[in-house]
Protein backbone atom coordinates (compact mmCIF):
# COMPACT_ATOMS: atom_id res chain seq x y z
CA MET A 1 -26.46 -29.86 0.72
CA LEU A 2 -28.16 -29.53 4.13
CA LYS A 3 -24.75 -29.52 5.80
CA ASP A 4 -23.59 -26.70 3.50
CA SER A 5 -26.76 -24.70 4.18
CA THR A 6 -26.36 -25.14 7.93
CA ALA A 7 -22.73 -23.99 7.84
CA PHE A 8 -23.62 -20.99 5.68
CA ALA A 9 -26.48 -20.01 8.00
CA ALA A 10 -24.20 -20.31 11.03
CA ASN A 11 -21.62 -18.07 9.41
CA MET A 12 -24.27 -15.52 8.44
CA ALA A 13 -25.42 -15.45 12.06
CA ALA A 14 -21.81 -14.94 13.16
CA ILE A 15 -21.45 -12.13 10.62
CA ALA A 16 -24.56 -10.40 11.98
CA GLU A 17 -23.34 -10.76 15.57
CA LYS A 18 -19.84 -9.50 14.81
CA SER A 19 -21.22 -6.63 12.71
CA ARG A 20 -23.18 -5.43 15.75
CA ALA A 21 -20.05 -5.74 17.90
CA VAL A 22 -18.00 -3.72 15.40
CA LEU A 23 -20.62 -0.96 15.19
CA THR A 24 -20.98 -0.88 18.98
CA LYS A 25 -17.24 -0.60 19.53
CA PHE A 26 -16.96 2.16 16.95
CA ALA A 27 -19.94 4.06 18.36
CA GLU A 28 -18.70 3.79 21.95
CA ALA A 29 -15.35 5.31 21.06
CA ASN A 30 -16.83 8.16 19.05
CA LEU A 31 -19.53 9.01 21.59
CA ALA A 32 -16.92 9.08 24.35
CA ASP A 33 -14.83 11.63 22.44
CA GLN A 34 -16.22 15.01 23.45
CA ARG A 35 -13.97 17.02 21.17
CA PRO A 36 -15.70 18.88 18.32
CA MET A 37 -16.13 16.97 15.07
CA HIS A 38 -15.09 18.61 11.82
CA ALA A 39 -16.85 18.03 8.53
CA ASP A 40 -13.61 18.74 6.67
CA PRO A 41 -10.75 17.95 9.08
CA LEU A 42 -8.14 17.95 6.31
CA ASN A 43 -9.37 21.24 4.84
CA ALA A 44 -9.71 19.74 1.37
CA MET A 45 -13.05 21.31 0.42
CA PRO A 46 -11.72 24.80 -0.51
CA ALA A 47 -9.28 23.27 -2.98
CA PHE A 48 -12.04 21.11 -4.52
CA LEU A 49 -14.29 24.16 -4.86
CA GLU A 50 -11.46 25.95 -6.65
CA LEU A 51 -11.13 22.95 -8.97
CA ALA A 52 -14.87 22.90 -9.72
CA GLN A 53 -14.80 26.62 -10.50
CA SER A 54 -11.74 26.16 -12.70
CA TRP A 55 -13.40 23.31 -14.61
CA ALA A 56 -16.48 25.48 -15.14
CA GLU A 57 -14.24 28.12 -16.70
CA HIS A 58 -12.83 25.59 -19.19
CA PRO A 59 -15.97 24.08 -20.76
CA LYS A 60 -14.32 23.04 -24.03
CA GLU A 61 -11.54 21.08 -22.32
CA MET A 62 -14.06 19.41 -20.00
CA THR A 63 -16.41 18.56 -22.86
CA ASP A 64 -13.56 17.08 -24.90
CA ALA A 65 -12.40 15.04 -21.92
CA MET A 66 -15.89 13.69 -21.20
CA LEU A 67 -16.34 12.82 -24.87
CA ARG A 68 -13.08 10.86 -24.82
CA LEU A 69 -14.25 8.96 -21.76
CA TRP A 70 -17.61 8.21 -23.41
CA VAL A 71 -15.87 6.90 -26.54
CA GLN A 72 -13.54 4.73 -24.46
CA GLN A 73 -16.39 3.31 -22.37
CA ALA A 74 -18.42 2.60 -25.51
CA GLU A 75 -15.49 0.77 -27.06
CA LEU A 76 -14.98 -1.18 -23.84
CA TRP A 77 -18.67 -2.17 -23.84
CA ARG A 78 -18.33 -3.39 -27.44
CA ARG A 79 -15.30 -5.51 -26.57
CA ALA A 80 -16.92 -6.88 -23.42
CA THR A 81 -20.01 -7.91 -25.40
CA LEU A 82 -17.85 -9.73 -27.94
CA LYS A 83 -15.92 -11.43 -25.15
CA LEU A 84 -19.17 -12.75 -23.69
CA TRP A 85 -19.74 -14.41 -27.07
CA GLY A 86 -16.25 -15.88 -27.09
CA LEU A 87 -14.57 -13.28 -29.32
CA ASP A 88 -11.75 -11.73 -27.31
CA GLU A 89 -10.10 -8.69 -28.93
CA GLY A 90 -7.82 -8.11 -25.95
CA PRO A 91 -7.89 -5.43 -23.27
CA LEU A 92 -8.48 -1.76 -23.99
CA VAL A 93 -6.60 -0.76 -20.85
CA GLU A 94 -4.42 -2.72 -18.45
CA PRO A 95 -3.31 -2.14 -14.85
CA SER A 96 -0.02 -0.32 -14.46
CA LYS A 97 3.10 -2.31 -13.72
CA GLY A 98 3.20 -3.18 -10.03
CA ASP A 99 -0.56 -2.83 -9.48
CA LYS A 100 -1.34 -5.83 -7.27
CA ARG A 101 -5.10 -5.32 -7.09
CA PHE A 102 -6.01 -7.22 -10.25
CA MET A 103 -3.43 -9.99 -10.33
CA GLY A 104 -5.95 -12.82 -9.97
CA GLU A 105 -6.69 -14.59 -13.26
CA GLU A 106 -10.48 -14.09 -12.89
CA TRP A 107 -9.98 -10.36 -13.45
CA SER A 108 -8.90 -11.14 -17.02
CA LYS A 109 -10.56 -14.46 -17.87
CA ASN A 110 -14.07 -13.68 -16.67
CA ALA A 111 -15.73 -11.26 -19.10
CA ILE A 112 -17.82 -9.51 -16.43
CA PHE A 113 -14.98 -8.94 -13.98
CA ASP A 114 -12.70 -7.95 -16.84
CA TYR A 115 -15.25 -5.32 -17.85
CA VAL A 116 -15.64 -4.04 -14.27
CA LYS A 117 -11.85 -3.80 -13.93
CA GLN A 118 -11.28 -1.98 -17.21
CA SER A 119 -14.21 0.39 -16.69
CA TYR A 120 -12.75 1.34 -13.31
CA LEU A 121 -9.27 1.84 -14.77
CA LEU A 122 -10.58 4.06 -17.56
CA SER A 123 -12.70 6.15 -15.20
CA SER A 124 -9.99 6.52 -12.57
CA GLN A 125 -7.39 7.52 -15.15
CA TRP A 126 -9.83 10.00 -16.67
CA ILE A 127 -10.54 11.77 -13.40
CA MET A 128 -6.85 11.90 -12.42
CA ASP A 129 -5.94 13.33 -15.83
CA ALA A 130 -8.69 15.94 -15.47
CA VAL A 131 -7.42 16.96 -12.04
CA HIS A 132 -3.83 17.29 -13.28
CA GLU A 133 -4.42 18.85 -16.70
CA ILE A 134 -7.61 20.91 -16.80
CA GLY A 135 -8.04 24.30 -15.17
CA ASP A 136 -5.85 26.92 -13.58
CA LEU A 137 -5.10 25.97 -10.00
CA GLU A 138 -2.28 27.02 -7.73
CA ASP A 139 0.32 24.26 -7.64
CA ARG A 140 -0.24 23.55 -3.94
CA ASP A 141 -4.04 23.35 -4.39
CA ARG A 142 -3.69 21.03 -7.37
CA LYS A 143 -1.40 18.71 -5.40
CA LYS A 144 -3.89 18.61 -2.54
CA VAL A 145 -6.82 17.85 -4.86
CA ALA A 146 -4.79 15.22 -6.71
CA PHE A 147 -3.79 13.54 -3.46
CA TYR A 148 -7.31 13.26 -2.07
CA THR A 149 -8.77 12.35 -5.46
CA ARG A 150 -6.24 9.54 -5.76
CA ASN A 151 -7.20 8.29 -2.30
CA PHE A 152 -10.89 8.39 -3.26
CA VAL A 153 -10.23 6.59 -6.53
CA GLU A 154 -8.20 3.90 -4.76
CA ALA A 155 -10.95 3.47 -2.17
CA MET A 156 -13.50 2.90 -4.95
CA SER A 157 -11.55 0.09 -6.56
CA PRO A 158 -13.82 -2.91 -7.29
CA ALA A 159 -11.20 -5.05 -5.56
CA ASN A 160 -12.21 -3.44 -2.25
CA PHE A 161 -15.81 -4.71 -2.32
CA ALA A 162 -16.93 -8.26 -1.67
CA THR A 163 -19.50 -8.31 -4.48
CA THR A 164 -17.08 -7.10 -7.18
CA ASN A 165 -13.95 -8.99 -6.15
CA PRO A 166 -13.91 -12.48 -7.71
CA GLU A 167 -11.36 -13.82 -5.20
CA VAL A 168 -13.59 -12.76 -2.29
CA LEU A 169 -16.70 -14.22 -3.93
CA ARG A 170 -14.91 -17.52 -4.52
CA ALA A 171 -13.65 -17.60 -0.93
CA THR A 172 -17.14 -16.83 0.38
CA ILE A 173 -18.61 -19.72 -1.58
CA GLU A 174 -15.83 -22.15 -0.70
CA THR A 175 -15.81 -21.32 3.02
CA LYS A 176 -19.60 -20.81 3.19
CA GLY A 177 -19.10 -17.27 4.45
CA GLU A 178 -16.50 -18.13 7.08
CA ASN A 179 -14.02 -15.70 5.48
CA LEU A 180 -16.37 -12.75 6.13
CA ALA A 181 -17.05 -13.86 9.70
CA LYS A 182 -13.31 -14.17 10.34
CA GLY A 183 -12.76 -10.81 8.66
CA LEU A 184 -15.19 -9.10 11.02
CA GLU A 185 -13.44 -10.77 13.93
CA ASN A 186 -10.15 -9.30 12.66
CA MET A 187 -11.79 -5.90 12.34
CA LEU A 188 -13.11 -6.07 15.90
CA LYS A 189 -9.61 -6.90 17.18
CA ASP A 190 -8.21 -3.91 15.29
CA LEU A 191 -10.88 -1.63 16.75
CA GLU A 192 -10.11 -2.89 20.24
CA ARG A 193 -6.38 -2.35 19.71
CA GLY A 194 -7.08 1.18 18.52
CA LYS A 195 -9.59 1.87 21.33
CA GLY A 196 -12.29 2.57 18.78
CA ASN A 197 -10.02 3.72 15.97
CA LEU A 198 -9.51 1.20 13.20
CA LEU A 199 -5.81 0.29 13.32
CA ILE A 200 -5.43 -2.16 10.47
CA ARG A 201 -2.80 -4.78 11.26
CA GLN A 202 -0.24 -4.98 8.48
CA THR A 203 1.67 -7.88 10.00
CA ASP A 204 1.53 -10.39 12.83
CA LEU A 205 2.26 -8.17 15.84
CA GLU A 206 3.04 -11.16 18.06
CA ALA A 207 5.70 -12.58 15.74
CA PHE A 208 8.41 -10.10 16.68
CA GLU A 209 9.86 -8.58 19.81
CA VAL A 210 12.23 -5.63 19.93
CA GLY A 211 15.49 -6.78 21.48
CA ARG A 212 14.84 -10.41 20.57
CA ASP A 213 14.13 -10.44 16.82
CA MET A 214 15.08 -6.88 15.87
CA ALA A 215 17.37 -4.23 17.36
CA THR A 216 19.71 -7.06 18.38
CA THR A 217 23.17 -5.60 17.73
CA PRO A 218 25.02 -5.79 21.09
CA GLY A 219 25.51 -2.49 22.87
CA LYS A 220 24.88 -0.54 26.06
CA ILE A 221 22.80 2.41 27.17
CA VAL A 222 25.42 4.92 28.30
CA PHE A 223 23.21 7.97 28.89
CA ARG A 224 19.54 8.76 29.40
CA ASN A 225 17.50 11.91 29.90
CA GLU A 226 13.82 12.72 29.42
CA LEU A 227 14.14 12.82 25.62
CA PHE A 228 16.45 10.01 24.56
CA GLU A 229 18.62 7.07 25.48
CA LEU A 230 22.11 6.98 24.01
CA ILE A 231 23.24 3.59 22.72
CA GLN A 232 26.92 2.77 22.24
CA TYR A 233 27.44 -0.41 20.25
CA ALA A 234 30.04 -3.00 21.18
CA PRO A 235 33.04 -3.26 18.84
CA THR A 236 33.75 -6.38 16.80
CA THR A 237 37.23 -5.35 15.62
CA GLU A 238 40.44 -5.03 17.62
CA GLN A 239 40.91 -1.46 16.47
CA VAL A 240 38.37 1.21 15.56
CA TYR A 241 38.48 4.53 13.76
CA ALA A 242 39.17 7.25 16.29
CA THR A 243 36.31 9.53 15.24
CA PRO A 244 32.95 8.12 16.40
CA ILE A 245 29.65 8.22 14.50
CA LEU A 246 26.48 9.63 16.09
CA PHE A 247 23.08 8.97 14.50
CA SER A 248 20.17 11.39 14.96
CA PRO A 249 17.32 9.15 13.72
CA PRO A 250 13.72 10.25 13.17
CA TRP A 251 11.41 10.33 16.19
CA ILE A 252 8.54 9.62 13.80
CA ASN A 253 8.78 5.81 14.09
CA LYS A 254 11.73 4.32 15.96
CA TYR A 255 15.47 4.14 15.53
CA TYR A 256 15.68 0.38 14.97
CA ILE A 257 15.07 0.74 11.26
CA LEU A 258 18.87 1.19 11.44
CA ASP A 259 19.15 -2.17 13.22
CA LEU A 260 16.22 -4.14 11.84
CA ASN A 261 17.82 -7.58 12.08
CA ALA A 262 21.24 -9.17 11.76
CA ARG A 263 21.04 -9.24 7.96
CA LYS A 264 19.55 -5.76 7.47
CA SER A 265 21.39 -3.80 10.15
CA PHE A 266 23.15 -0.61 9.08
CA VAL A 267 24.55 -0.34 12.61
CA ARG A 268 25.96 -3.88 12.65
CA TRP A 269 27.59 -3.34 9.25
CA LEU A 270 29.26 -0.10 10.38
CA VAL A 271 30.55 -1.72 13.56
CA ALA A 272 32.05 -4.51 11.44
CA GLN A 273 33.87 -1.89 9.34
CA GLY A 274 35.59 -0.65 12.49
CA TRP A 275 33.43 2.33 13.45
CA THR A 276 32.37 3.28 16.97
CA VAL A 277 28.63 3.85 16.56
CA PHE A 278 26.26 5.75 18.83
CA VAL A 279 22.51 6.01 18.17
CA MET A 280 19.91 8.16 19.88
CA SER A 281 16.77 6.24 20.85
CA TRP A 282 14.08 8.90 21.23
CA VAL A 283 11.40 8.66 23.91
CA ASN A 284 7.89 7.68 22.79
CA PRO A 285 6.29 10.77 24.34
CA ASP A 286 3.12 11.27 26.33
CA GLY A 287 1.84 14.18 28.39
CA ALA A 288 5.13 14.31 30.31
CA GLN A 289 6.77 15.84 27.22
CA LYS A 290 4.03 18.42 26.58
CA ASP A 291 6.38 21.35 27.24
CA GLU A 292 9.19 20.14 25.00
CA THR A 293 9.95 22.27 21.95
CA TRP A 294 11.98 22.04 18.76
CA GLU A 295 14.65 23.99 20.62
CA THR A 296 14.78 21.55 23.55
CA TYR A 297 14.94 18.61 21.13
CA MET A 298 18.03 20.35 19.74
CA THR A 299 19.67 21.35 23.04
CA LYS A 300 18.65 18.43 25.27
CA GLY A 301 18.62 16.07 22.30
CA VAL A 302 21.21 16.24 19.51
CA LEU A 303 23.63 18.65 21.18
CA THR A 304 23.56 16.77 24.48
CA ALA A 305 24.09 13.48 22.63
CA LEU A 306 27.12 14.94 20.86
CA GLU A 307 28.52 16.16 24.18
CA LYS A 308 28.14 12.70 25.72
CA VAL A 309 29.65 10.90 22.72
CA LEU A 310 32.77 13.05 22.91
CA GLU A 311 32.93 12.64 26.68
CA GLU A 312 32.69 8.86 26.36
CA THR A 313 35.29 8.54 23.59
CA GLY A 314 37.65 11.33 24.61
CA GLU A 315 37.61 12.64 21.03
CA ALA A 316 37.25 16.28 20.00
CA LYS A 317 34.92 15.62 17.07
CA ALA A 318 32.32 13.16 15.79
CA HIS A 319 30.76 12.31 12.44
CA LEU A 320 27.08 13.28 12.68
CA VAL A 321 24.33 11.51 10.73
CA GLY A 322 20.70 12.61 10.47
CA TYR A 323 17.88 10.59 8.93
CA CYS A 324 14.61 12.17 7.74
CA ILE A 325 13.28 14.56 10.43
CA GLY A 326 16.36 13.63 12.47
CA GLY A 327 18.37 15.14 9.61
CA THR A 328 16.28 18.31 9.65
CA MET A 329 17.02 18.55 13.37
CA LEU A 330 20.71 17.93 12.62
CA GLY A 331 20.66 20.77 10.08
CA THR A 332 19.15 23.03 12.73
CA ALA A 333 21.81 22.01 15.26
CA LEU A 334 24.67 22.48 12.79
CA ALA A 335 23.46 25.98 11.88
CA HIS A 336 23.32 26.80 15.60
CA MET A 337 26.81 25.37 16.11
CA ALA A 338 28.12 27.40 13.17
CA ALA A 339 26.64 30.57 14.65
CA ARG A 340 28.58 29.92 17.86
CA GLY A 341 31.80 28.79 16.25
CA ASP A 342 31.32 25.24 17.56
CA ASP A 343 33.48 22.90 15.46
CA ARG A 344 32.83 19.58 17.21
CA ALA A 345 31.35 18.01 14.07
CA ALA A 346 33.94 16.29 11.86
CA SER A 347 31.39 15.81 9.08
CA ALA A 348 27.64 15.67 8.53
CA THR A 349 25.65 13.08 6.61
CA PHE A 350 22.03 13.69 5.68
CA LEU A 351 19.88 10.67 4.79
CA THR A 352 16.66 11.48 2.90
CA THR A 353 16.57 14.85 4.64
CA GLN A 354 14.77 18.04 3.73
CA LEU A 355 16.28 21.39 4.68
CA ASP A 356 14.30 23.36 2.09
CA PHE A 357 10.55 22.68 2.16
CA THR A 358 9.56 24.60 -0.97
CA ASP A 359 8.43 21.39 -2.65
CA ALA A 360 8.23 19.04 0.30
CA GLY A 361 6.34 16.09 -1.12
CA GLU A 362 2.91 14.66 -0.42
CA LEU A 363 2.96 15.28 3.33
CA GLN A 364 2.59 18.95 2.46
CA VAL A 365 -1.08 18.35 1.62
CA PHE A 366 -1.79 17.82 5.33
CA VAL A 367 -0.37 21.19 6.35
CA ASP A 368 -2.05 24.59 6.24
CA GLU A 369 -3.35 27.01 8.86
CA LYS A 370 -6.78 25.37 9.10
CA THR A 371 -5.51 21.81 9.42
CA LEU A 372 -3.01 22.97 12.05
CA GLU A 373 -5.87 24.41 14.12
CA ILE A 374 -7.70 21.09 13.94
CA LEU A 375 -4.48 19.20 14.69
CA ASP A 376 -3.94 21.31 17.81
CA GLU A 377 -7.32 20.12 19.10
CA LYS A 378 -6.16 16.52 18.64
CA MET A 379 -3.04 17.34 20.64
CA ASP A 380 -4.84 18.88 23.62
CA ASP A 381 -3.31 16.22 25.90
CA GLY A 382 0.14 17.52 25.01
CA PHE A 383 0.94 15.04 22.25
CA LEU A 384 -0.30 13.81 18.89
CA PRO A 385 -1.58 10.22 19.15
CA ALA A 386 0.59 7.78 17.26
CA GLU A 387 -2.31 6.46 15.20
CA SER A 388 -2.80 9.91 13.65
CA MET A 389 0.73 9.92 12.24
CA ALA A 390 0.39 6.29 11.16
CA THR A 391 -2.80 7.08 9.24
CA ALA A 392 -1.17 10.03 7.48
CA PHE A 393 1.79 7.95 6.32
CA ASN A 394 -0.43 5.05 5.26
CA MET A 395 -2.51 7.43 3.14
CA LEU A 396 0.60 8.19 1.09
CA ARG A 397 0.45 4.60 -0.20
CA ALA A 398 -3.17 3.74 0.53
CA SER A 399 -3.54 1.03 -2.11
CA ASP A 400 -0.78 -1.05 -0.53
CA LEU A 401 -0.85 0.01 3.13
CA ILE A 402 -4.61 0.32 3.65
CA TRP A 403 -6.76 -1.34 1.01
CA GLY A 404 -4.51 -4.32 0.40
CA PHE A 405 -4.90 -5.25 4.06
CA VAL A 406 -8.63 -4.50 4.06
CA ILE A 407 -8.98 -7.15 1.37
CA GLN A 408 -6.67 -9.69 3.00
CA ASN A 409 -7.70 -9.21 6.64
CA TYR A 410 -11.39 -8.32 6.42
CA LEU A 411 -12.77 -9.62 3.11
CA LEU A 412 -10.70 -12.79 2.83
CA GLY A 413 -10.43 -13.28 6.60
CA LYS A 414 -6.72 -14.04 6.53
CA ASP A 415 -4.28 -13.35 9.35
CA PRO A 416 -1.49 -10.89 8.54
CA PHE A 417 1.83 -12.41 7.50
CA PRO A 418 4.92 -11.80 9.71
CA PHE A 419 7.10 -9.12 8.10
CA ASP A 420 9.78 -7.26 10.04
CA LEU A 421 9.61 -4.01 8.07
CA LEU A 422 5.83 -3.77 8.48
CA TYR A 423 6.19 -4.50 12.19
CA TRP A 424 8.53 -1.51 12.45
CA ASN A 425 6.12 0.56 10.36
CA ALA A 426 3.27 -0.29 12.75
CA ASP A 427 5.39 0.52 15.82
CA SER A 428 4.38 4.16 15.62
CA THR A 429 5.29 6.94 18.01
CA CYS A 430 3.46 9.90 19.48
CA MET A 431 4.60 13.46 18.81
CA PRO A 432 5.03 16.18 21.47
CA ALA A 433 2.43 18.83 20.62
CA ARG A 434 4.68 21.88 20.58
CA VAL A 435 7.46 20.11 18.69
CA HIS A 436 5.10 18.82 16.04
CA HIS A 437 3.24 22.11 15.59
CA TYR A 438 6.53 23.99 15.26
CA TYR A 439 7.83 21.51 12.70
CA LEU A 440 4.76 21.70 10.48
CA ASP A 441 4.30 25.46 10.75
CA ASN A 442 7.90 26.67 10.56
CA PHE A 443 9.27 24.13 8.09
CA TYR A 444 6.40 22.93 5.89
CA ASN A 445 4.38 26.15 5.93
CA ALA A 446 6.90 28.97 6.35
CA ASN A 447 10.18 27.28 5.28
CA ARG A 448 12.01 29.47 7.80
CA LEU A 449 15.23 27.47 8.07
CA ALA A 450 15.86 27.63 4.32
CA LEU A 451 15.00 31.34 4.22
CA GLY A 452 17.34 32.17 7.09
CA GLU A 453 14.45 33.38 9.27
CA MET A 454 14.76 30.89 12.13
CA ARG A 455 16.15 31.69 15.56
CA MET A 456 17.08 28.97 18.01
CA ALA A 457 18.57 29.22 21.52
CA GLY A 458 19.57 32.83 21.02
CA GLU A 459 21.09 32.44 17.56
CA LYS A 460 19.89 33.27 14.06
CA LEU A 461 20.38 30.19 11.91
CA ASP A 462 22.13 30.43 8.56
CA LEU A 463 22.70 27.16 6.69
CA ALA A 464 25.26 28.87 4.46
CA LYS A 465 27.58 29.04 7.47
CA VAL A 466 27.63 25.24 7.79
CA ALA A 467 30.98 24.72 6.09
CA LEU A 468 32.09 21.25 7.24
CA PRO A 469 32.31 18.24 4.87
CA VAL A 470 28.81 16.95 4.05
CA TYR A 471 27.42 13.83 2.40
CA HIS A 472 23.82 13.78 1.20
CA VAL A 473 21.79 10.70 0.30
CA ALA A 474 18.46 11.09 -1.48
CA THR A 475 16.44 8.20 -2.87
CA LYS A 476 14.95 8.13 -6.33
CA GLU A 477 11.41 7.05 -5.42
CA ASP A 478 11.10 8.90 -2.10
CA HIS A 479 7.56 10.21 -1.53
CA ILE A 480 8.32 11.66 1.93
CA ALA A 481 11.52 13.59 1.18
CA PRO A 482 11.50 13.86 -2.63
CA PRO A 483 15.01 13.73 -4.13
CA GLN A 484 14.65 17.09 -5.87
CA SER A 485 13.72 18.64 -2.52
CA ALA A 486 16.69 17.01 -0.77
CA PHE A 487 18.97 18.31 -3.54
CA ARG A 488 17.60 21.84 -3.20
CA GLY A 489 18.25 21.77 0.55
CA ALA A 490 21.74 20.34 0.11
CA LYS A 491 22.74 23.34 -1.98
CA LEU A 492 21.88 25.71 0.87
CA LEU A 493 24.82 24.53 2.96
CA GLY A 494 28.07 26.44 2.75
CA SER A 495 30.33 23.42 2.46
CA GLU A 496 32.99 23.42 -0.25
CA ASN A 497 33.39 19.68 0.32
CA ALA A 498 29.94 18.30 -0.47
CA THR A 499 29.00 14.94 -1.96
CA PHE A 500 25.51 14.16 -3.22
CA VAL A 501 24.36 10.58 -3.83
CA LEU A 502 21.09 9.50 -5.39
CA ALA A 503 20.18 5.96 -4.34
CA GLY A 504 17.68 3.67 -5.98
CA SER A 505 14.33 2.74 -4.40
CA GLY A 506 12.55 4.77 -1.72
CA HIS A 507 12.68 6.42 1.69
CA ILE A 508 13.41 3.20 3.61
CA ALA A 509 14.65 0.55 1.19
CA GLY A 510 16.99 3.00 -0.55
CA VAL A 511 18.72 3.79 2.75
CA ILE A 512 18.62 0.39 4.45
CA ASN A 513 20.28 -1.50 1.62
CA PRO A 514 23.02 -3.87 2.85
CA PRO A 515 25.73 -4.62 0.27
CA ASP A 516 25.21 -8.39 0.62
CA LEU A 517 21.70 -8.10 -0.82
CA GLN A 518 23.12 -6.74 -4.11
CA LYS A 519 20.01 -4.66 -4.72
CA TYR A 520 19.30 -1.33 -6.42
CA GLN A 521 22.01 1.15 -7.42
CA PHE A 522 23.25 4.65 -6.72
CA TRP A 523 24.46 7.63 -8.73
CA THR A 524 27.45 9.82 -7.88
CA LYS A 525 29.10 12.85 -9.40
CA LYS A 526 31.89 15.17 -8.35
CA GLY A 527 30.48 18.30 -6.78
CA MET A 528 26.92 19.61 -6.80
CA ALA A 529 26.85 21.67 -9.97
CA GLY A 530 23.40 22.21 -11.43
CA GLU A 531 20.35 24.22 -10.45
CA SER A 532 18.20 21.10 -10.22
CA LEU A 533 18.54 17.40 -9.61
CA ALA A 534 17.77 16.77 -13.28
CA GLU A 535 20.76 18.90 -14.29
CA TRP A 536 22.98 17.20 -11.72
CA MET A 537 21.99 13.79 -13.07
CA LYS A 538 23.50 14.62 -16.47
CA GLY A 539 26.82 12.84 -16.40
CA ALA A 540 26.25 11.18 -13.02
CA GLU A 541 27.82 7.73 -12.76
CA GLU A 542 25.60 4.77 -11.91
CA THR A 543 26.98 2.05 -9.63
CA PRO A 544 25.05 -1.16 -8.91
CA GLY A 545 24.37 -2.15 -5.31
CA SER A 546 24.52 -0.34 -1.99
CA TRP A 547 25.90 3.14 -1.34
CA TRP A 548 27.17 2.09 2.13
CA PRO A 549 30.76 1.18 1.07
CA HIS A 550 31.02 4.46 -0.86
CA TRP A 551 30.04 6.39 2.27
CA SER A 552 32.38 4.42 4.53
CA LYS A 553 35.29 5.28 2.20
CA TRP A 554 34.19 8.92 2.25
CA LEU A 555 34.25 8.91 6.06
CA THR A 556 37.61 7.16 6.17
CA ALA A 557 39.12 9.85 3.93
CA ARG A 558 38.26 12.35 6.66
CA GLY A 559 40.24 10.57 9.35
CA ARG A 560 42.12 7.28 9.12
CA ARG A 561 43.54 7.30 12.65
CA ARG A 562 42.71 4.16 14.61
CA VAL A 563 42.64 3.41 18.31
CA ALA A 564 42.11 0.30 20.41
CA SER A 565 38.49 -0.85 20.42
CA ARG A 566 36.32 0.84 23.02
CA THR A 567 34.28 -0.81 25.76
CA PRO A 568 30.81 0.78 25.81
CA GLY A 569 30.25 2.95 28.87
CA ALA A 570 33.89 2.96 29.95
CA ARG A 571 33.58 6.61 31.04
CA LEU A 572 29.88 7.40 31.21
CA GLY A 573 28.92 4.12 32.84
CA VAL A 574 26.30 1.59 31.77
CA LEU A 575 22.58 2.03 32.44
CA GLY A 576 21.49 -1.18 30.73
CA ASP A 577 21.74 -3.29 27.62
CA ALA A 578 20.74 -2.18 24.15
CA PRO A 579 18.16 -1.59 22.83
CA GLY A 580 17.13 0.07 26.10
CA ASP A 581 13.71 0.90 27.54
CA PHE A 582 12.40 3.80 25.44
CA VAL A 583 12.20 1.82 22.21
CA LYS A 584 10.05 -0.89 23.82
CA VAL A 585 7.18 1.46 24.71
CA ARG A 586 4.33 0.72 22.27
CA PHE A 587 1.54 3.24 21.86
CA ASP A 588 -1.11 0.51 21.57
CA ARG A 589 -0.09 -1.19 24.83
CA ARG A 590 -0.01 1.80 27.15
């Protein structure tokens, strides 16, 4: 007993000491930042005021809703009381399928924790229903309120607090408080890594190394400028298709999601099918790129890469592939090429790409004139810090990507588990200020490309003039580029030879889905008839597994000619081995 008391006291002392260290580190960073602080940096308050006013104008609906909540809570109290006496009538409400927060058996077996859980679920569902259903709000305002309300509701989960999480309480008793002391140590490390910003580790950051464990497909750097390195991958077949493939990946995160590891590498699979593959590896920018613009990312980026690919291979055309924002850039470049009569693209493939931002998903809640003004202040060094983008994306799935790790790392004191996808997710990139501002303002806010109001490098851009063969991949559960938004953008192109594919899963897993894994499914249909994705889906054919073979056949149908396999850098020369230097620059180690 004395030994247990001594250990508990020692851990409490360690907790007090580490708490002071955490507060000191946080205070030092915030006091050192001389930029103005904003009470409402995400400009959410106006939308919440509109909601409050709208609720006040619908008293009957609000009264009915509150009465329903009261009746539900009263019934829950009755059942909880009976359960305490050993009479279990079963749950009134249960967590949704896939909700990992309440998987521990104590949440159901223990009457008190079961009550806390169900009361939270009833209350959270009530407030989300009220936000979605009551009042007359503009659609954009309602989405913003719903997004921030959901984040608040998820933050208030009883699983996130030591005193209301049975697993944490049990761990605290069993380890005599060591879990909390270790958790504060983890928090301090995350604050130090983020230089005062809390960068929650989602995986073991020492378990992987780019070029050793991921991005390992053999290749060479055959060109480099201030914006990107061009990788040409080494062939594994005696002959290759004559027309090369050029990937324009997103510069939000890094290209090696296409080459995650030997088993999950899109690049390696394509090379094995006999394709000559080139990938742009974008620079992780700092102040040196402060003057770069969306236009220079097009001219010195995608268009220069295309020029070098054709120079290296001696071909007249290439298949172009854009992923996410890299696809939006590709759409911009293709419209510019069409305006100039440039026919060097054999085909275009858009992976989870938005060209029309009318209904652009949850990221739209971060974008309006006020938030852009505040964002510009954050980018006064010429770039947006990588942690800002990481936080925004994590907020889209806060329960899994924030609070799940708060519980594991800080409350339970566990070290993060090695996971390659989460390592890539944490390997965030900075954004050049002018490029990022232009993207948010002209695409998310003004939707100028879709409306035909964008000018670039002396040309007015018209997507309807992009008439080459196109292949679009949207993913069913995509929260970044919603499938209905991708479909709307796909219909803006002027191609008479367009294929649309809806893949299962989400923004990453739906795209990076090797055939050998035999996961998910995809839907296809001849043509793109239908005003909406829902209409297009009527009669669409479902195929189990990966869409990759379907796409490879589509590409092959647009050019079956083969040539002898190509040695990377045979004409441009070799600057180094893949994956190159740019991809290895980590924002948290600068």
